[in-house]
């Protein structure tokens, strides 16, 4: 990221503090000026959906039907019971690379095709 040397050093220290397994990661820095930033077209923007479903006014976090977060151990345990149908909603390309055994796989190419596939 483009910043002052002091901020860059603070980032490296915070990174190593949070991720102790990566203590030996080498960080490469170089000088740049604000008049000629290293990535002039780089920008960040807020997106209301990471994976676009195309459903207007969808506010999933406001729903009373949100299931609880499961730890990997609990998820695995529940998946082994046979009481649940697991649906792998990744696109066709991603699920070809790897998928959960016995999961229902969607035949979608993009995430916004999912609502139509479900119907």
Foldseek 3Di string as FASTA:
>chain_A
DDDDPVVVVVVLVVVCVVPVVPVPDDDDDDDDDPVGDPCVVDDDDDDPDPADQPDPPDDPVPDPPDDDDDDPVRVVVVVVVPPDAAADQDEPVVVVVDDDPNHHYFPHHGNNCVVVRVD
